[in-house]
Protein backbone atom coordinates (compact mmCIF):
# COMPACT_ATOMS: atom_id res chain seq x y z
CA MET A 1 -16.33 12.98 -23.17
CA ARG A 2 -14.46 14.93 -20.45
CA LYS A 3 -16.65 13.72 -17.48
CA ILE A 4 -15.92 9.96 -18.56
CA ILE A 5 -11.94 10.87 -18.52
CA ILE A 6 -12.18 12.32 -15.12
CA LEU A 7 -14.27 9.48 -13.88
CA THR A 8 -11.91 6.92 -15.27
CA VAL A 9 -8.99 8.57 -13.88
CA THR A 10 -10.47 8.91 -10.32
CA ALA A 11 -11.38 5.14 -10.24
CA ALA A 12 -7.96 4.31 -11.52
CA ALA A 13 -6.39 6.42 -8.81
CA LEU A 14 -9.04 4.62 -6.12
CA LEU A 15 -7.96 1.22 -7.59
CA THR A 16 -4.31 1.99 -7.12
CA ALA A 17 -4.55 3.20 -3.42
CA ALA A 18 -6.66 0.07 -2.56
CA CYS A 19 -3.98 -2.26 -3.77
CA ASN A 20 -1.82 -2.86 -0.55
CA THR A 21 0.16 -6.18 -1.88
CA VAL A 22 1.21 -7.77 -5.07
CA ALA A 23 -1.40 -10.20 -4.73
CA GLY A 24 -4.02 -7.41 -4.37
CA ILE A 25 -2.69 -5.71 -7.43
CA GLY A 26 -3.05 -8.96 -9.42
CA ARG A 27 -6.50 -9.56 -8.08
CA ASP A 28 -7.61 -6.07 -8.91
CA ALA A 29 -5.96 -6.18 -12.42
CA GLN A 30 -8.01 -9.51 -13.11
CA ALA A 31 -11.41 -7.98 -11.87
CA ALA A 32 -10.95 -5.00 -14.00
CA GLY A 33 -9.91 -7.23 -17.14
CA ALA A 34 -13.30 -9.15 -16.41
CA ALA A 35 -15.27 -6.01 -16.20
CA VAL A 36 -13.54 -4.68 -19.54
CA ALA A 37 -14.63 -8.11 -21.18
CA GLY A 38 -18.19 -8.06 -20.09
CA ALA A 39 -18.64 -4.61 -21.08
CA ALA A 40 -17.33 -5.73 -24.73
CA ASP A 41 -19.55 -8.89 -24.69
CA ASP A 42 -22.56 -6.10 -23.72
CA MET A 43 -21.84 -4.15 -26.47
CA LYS A 44 -21.82 -7.05 -28.72
CA ARG A 45 -25.28 -7.81 -28.06
């Protein structure tokens, strides 16, 4: 469980560092939402 938290925090830090503009933040948030939705759909099956 601790490894998952560390990986999540690291990924969030990298994603935040990659956002250079407000539009970039919006695209990153949209991609993250799509990834979460896809993972949720996979868990349903």
